[in-house]
Amino acid sequence: MFRIKGLLGPLVLAAAMIAPVLASGCAAHTRYYDEYRADYHTWNNGEIGAYRVWIGERHYEYRDYNRLSREQQREYWNWRHNHPGKY
């Protein structure tokens, strides 16, 4: 019993220190930098909808944005800047 009580404090402290790191890691992947226009884009439901429209217009098979070539990513952001606010 005393052993469990002795470990409980450090475990709670470790969990409290690790939780913000894990939570911030997820948020870091939702923002993309468009290096050609030097701006950031948040990858949210609106952006996902726009991305799916772009894929459909080009008859591409769906792939995660991260798996596109740099040229295709550039093509997407050029298209996206020409279609602001629609999605």
Protein backbone atom coordinates (compact mmCIF):
# COMPACT_ATOMS: atom_id res chain seq x y z
CA MET A 1 0.00 0.00 0.00
CA PHE A 2 2.77 2.44 0.90
CA ARG A 3 4.51 1.69 -2.37
CA ILE A 4 1.47 2.69 -4.42
CA LYS A 5 1.10 5.97 -2.51
CA GLY A 6 4.79 6.70 -3.09
CA LEU A 7 4.44 6.26 -6.85
CA LEU A 8 1.13 8.06 -7.22
CA GLY A 9 2.54 11.58 -6.80
CA PRO A 10 5.29 11.24 -9.43
CA LEU A 11 2.88 9.57 -11.87
CA VAL A 12 0.37 12.40 -11.56
CA LEU A 13 3.16 14.96 -11.99
CA ALA A 14 4.50 13.16 -15.07
CA ALA A 15 1.02 12.99 -16.62
CA ALA A 16 0.48 16.70 -15.97
CA MET A 17 3.77 17.54 -17.68
CA ILE A 18 3.22 15.28 -20.69
CA ALA A 19 -0.42 16.22 -21.43
CA PRO A 20 0.28 19.72 -22.90
CA VAL A 21 3.02 18.32 -25.13
CA LEU A 22 0.71 15.67 -26.54
CA ALA A 23 -2.14 18.11 -27.04
CA SER A 24 -0.02 20.71 -28.81
CA GLY A 25 1.41 18.09 -31.16
CA CYS A 26 -2.01 17.54 -32.73
CA ALA A 27 -2.61 21.24 -33.29
CA ALA A 28 0.74 21.71 -35.01
CA HIS A 29 -0.39 19.53 -37.92
CA THR A 30 -3.46 21.59 -38.74
CA ARG A 31 -1.60 24.60 -40.09
CA TYR A 32 0.23 24.72 -43.42
CA TYR A 33 2.62 27.30 -44.76
CA ASP A 34 2.24 28.34 -48.39
CA GLU A 35 5.83 29.24 -49.21
CA TYR A 36 4.94 30.72 -52.61
CA ARG A 37 2.53 33.25 -51.14
CA ALA A 38 4.23 33.43 -47.73
CA ASP A 39 1.06 32.83 -45.73
CA TYR A 40 -0.43 30.20 -43.45
CA HIS A 41 -3.58 28.15 -43.93
CA THR A 42 -5.49 26.32 -41.21
CA TRP A 43 -6.53 22.84 -42.30
CA ASN A 44 -10.13 22.75 -41.07
CA ASN A 45 -13.43 21.46 -42.46
CA GLY A 46 -13.66 24.35 -44.92
CA GLU A 47 -10.19 23.65 -46.28
CA ILE A 48 -10.94 19.94 -46.53
CA GLY A 49 -14.04 20.78 -48.58
CA ALA A 50 -12.04 23.04 -50.88
CA TYR A 51 -9.36 20.37 -51.25
CA ARG A 52 -11.97 17.79 -52.24
CA VAL A 53 -13.40 20.17 -54.86
CA TRP A 54 -9.90 20.73 -56.26
CA ILE A 55 -9.33 16.95 -56.43
CA GLY A 56 -12.69 16.45 -58.14
CA GLU A 57 -12.03 19.14 -60.75
CA ARG A 58 -8.78 17.43 -61.69
CA HIS A 59 -10.14 13.88 -61.46
CA TYR A 60 -7.36 12.93 -59.06
CA GLU A 61 -7.70 9.98 -56.72
CA TYR A 62 -8.00 11.19 -53.12
CA ARG A 63 -4.71 11.37 -51.22
CA ASP A 64 -3.88 13.16 -48.02
CA TYR A 65 -2.48 16.61 -48.68
CA ASN A 66 0.79 15.59 -47.00
CA ARG A 67 1.31 12.89 -49.63
CA LEU A 68 1.08 15.25 -52.60
CA SER A 69 4.24 16.24 -54.40
CA ARG A 70 5.52 19.75 -53.76
CA GLU A 71 4.38 20.71 -57.25
CA GLN A 72 0.83 19.47 -56.57
CA GLN A 73 0.78 21.29 -53.23
CA ARG A 74 1.83 24.45 -55.02
CA GLU A 75 -0.88 23.87 -57.65
CA TYR A 76 -3.49 23.45 -54.90
CA TRP A 77 -2.53 26.67 -53.11
CA ASN A 78 -2.54 28.61 -56.39
CA TRP A 79 -6.03 27.29 -57.08
CA ARG A 80 -7.08 28.03 -53.52
CA HIS A 81 -5.97 31.65 -53.71
CA ASN A 82 -8.08 32.05 -56.85
CA HIS A 83 -11.14 30.66 -55.00
CA PRO A 84 -11.19 32.51 -51.66
CA GLY A 85 -14.15 32.41 -49.35
CA LYS A 86 -16.16 29.83 -51.29
CA TYR A 87 -15.55 27.01 -48.83
